[in-house]
């Protein structure tokens, strides 16, 4: 019998190893506002509340699909979809990284 070496272990923190018991909707809206501000700081021009509304629609639709197919997608895809709805060009990888980090 041959042994297979384990080469990678993934940890899913959110609601697997760590449970957040605070006001999730409030925290998410604050994070979306920070994301929007990060994009604005990088030169994008849009109404923050409008971005948040569009981003919430897009990300919530993704969560429904993800719960069915269990496939994680890059958050930058959803940011760029929201930007497109607002008539903005897609953000570069660098801008996305900085805005998401915010």
Protein backbone atom coordinates (compact mmCIF):
# COMPACT_ATOMS: atom_id res chain seq x y z
CA UNK A 1 0.00 0.00 0.00
CA UNK A 2 1.40 3.41 -0.95
CA UNK A 3 0.92 6.55 1.10
CA UNK A 4 -0.17 9.82 -0.44
CA UNK A 5 1.53 12.89 0.96
CA UNK A 6 -0.71 15.76 2.01
CA UNK A 7 0.55 18.85 0.21
CA UNK A 8 -2.12 21.43 0.94
CA UNK A 9 -4.63 22.19 3.67
CA UNK A 10 -7.31 24.88 3.24
CA UNK A 11 -9.04 26.60 6.15
CA UNK A 12 -12.35 28.34 5.62
CA UNK A 13 -12.61 30.86 8.45
CA UNK A 14 -16.00 32.48 7.85
CA UNK A 15 -18.68 30.55 9.73
CA UNK A 16 -16.49 27.45 9.79
CA UNK A 17 -13.70 28.20 12.24
CA UNK A 18 -14.90 31.66 13.27
CA UNK A 19 -18.51 32.68 13.90
CA UNK A 20 -19.31 36.38 13.91
CA UNK A 21 -22.09 37.21 16.33
CA UNK A 22 -22.36 40.95 15.71
CA UNK A 23 -24.63 42.94 13.43
CA UNK A 24 -23.61 41.32 10.12
CA UNK A 25 -25.65 43.61 7.81
CA UNK A 26 -24.19 46.72 9.45
CA UNK A 27 -20.63 45.41 9.23
CA UNK A 28 -21.11 44.42 5.59
CA UNK A 29 -22.47 47.87 4.68
CA UNK A 30 -19.47 49.50 6.38
CA UNK A 31 -17.14 47.22 4.43
CA UNK A 32 -18.95 48.05 1.16
CA UNK A 33 -18.65 51.77 1.98
CA UNK A 34 -14.90 51.32 2.58
CA UNK A 35 -14.63 49.41 -0.71
CA UNK A 36 -16.40 52.24 -2.54
CA UNK A 37 -14.19 54.84 -0.89
CA UNK A 38 -11.09 52.89 -1.88
CA UNK A 39 -12.26 52.93 -5.49
CA UNK A 40 -13.04 56.65 -5.34
CA UNK A 41 -9.60 57.29 -3.85
CA UNK A 42 -8.15 55.49 -6.87
CA UNK A 43 -9.88 57.87 -9.29
CA UNK A 44 -13.32 56.38 -9.86
CA UNK A 45 -16.27 58.75 -9.80
CA UNK A 46 -19.68 57.49 -8.67
CA UNK A 47 -22.27 57.93 -5.94
CA UNK A 48 -21.23 55.78 -2.98
CA UNK A 49 -24.77 54.78 -2.05
CA UNK A 50 -25.54 53.81 -5.64
CA UNK A 51 -22.39 51.65 -5.76
CA UNK A 52 -23.35 49.97 -2.48
CA UNK A 53 -26.87 49.20 -3.76
CA UNK A 54 -25.56 47.69 -6.99
CA UNK A 55 -22.75 45.78 -5.29
CA UNK A 56 -25.17 44.32 -2.72
CA UNK A 57 -27.49 43.11 -5.48
CA UNK A 58 -24.62 41.49 -7.35
CA UNK A 59 -22.90 39.92 -4.35
CA UNK A 60 -26.18 38.65 -2.85
CA UNK A 61 -27.10 36.97 -6.16
CA UNK A 62 -23.65 35.36 -6.15
CA UNK A 63 -24.14 34.06 -2.59
CA UNK A 64 -27.34 32.30 -3.68
CA UNK A 65 -25.52 30.55 -6.54
CA UNK A 66 -22.47 29.79 -4.38
CA UNK A 67 -24.65 28.06 -1.81
CA UNK A 68 -25.83 25.74 -4.60
CA UNK A 69 -22.67 25.10 -6.62
CA UNK A 70 -20.10 25.70 -3.81
CA UNK A 71 -17.82 27.55 -6.23
CA UNK A 72 -15.96 30.58 -4.85
CA UNK A 73 -15.42 33.47 -7.27
CA UNK A 74 -12.95 36.37 -7.04
CA UNK A 75 -14.50 39.41 -5.36
CA UNK A 76 -12.95 41.64 -8.00
CA UNK A 77 -15.33 40.19 -10.58
CA UNK A 78 -18.29 41.48 -8.58
CA UNK A 79 -16.69 44.87 -7.98
CA UNK A 80 -16.15 45.25 -11.72
CA UNK A 81 -19.74 44.19 -12.45
CA UNK A 82 -20.99 46.91 -10.08
CA UNK A 83 -18.67 49.44 -11.69
CA UNK A 84 -19.99 48.47 -15.14
CA UNK A 85 -23.59 49.05 -14.01
CA UNK A 86 -22.50 52.54 -12.96
CA UNK A 87 -20.89 53.18 -16.34
CA UNK A 88 -17.36 52.91 -14.99
CA UNK A 89 -14.41 51.07 -16.54
CA UNK A 90 -13.11 47.94 -14.83
CA UNK A 91 -10.63 48.41 -12.02
CA UNK A 92 -7.09 47.14 -12.43
CA UNK A 93 -5.84 44.26 -10.30
CA UNK A 94 -3.81 46.70 -8.18
CA UNK A 95 -6.79 49.01 -7.59
CA UNK A 96 -9.04 46.05 -6.74
CA UNK A 97 -6.51 44.68 -4.27
CA UNK A 98 -6.17 48.04 -2.51
CA UNK A 99 -9.93 48.75 -2.50
CA UNK A 100 -10.81 45.30 -1.15
CA UNK A 101 -8.10 45.64 1.51
CA UNK A 102 -9.76 48.90 2.63
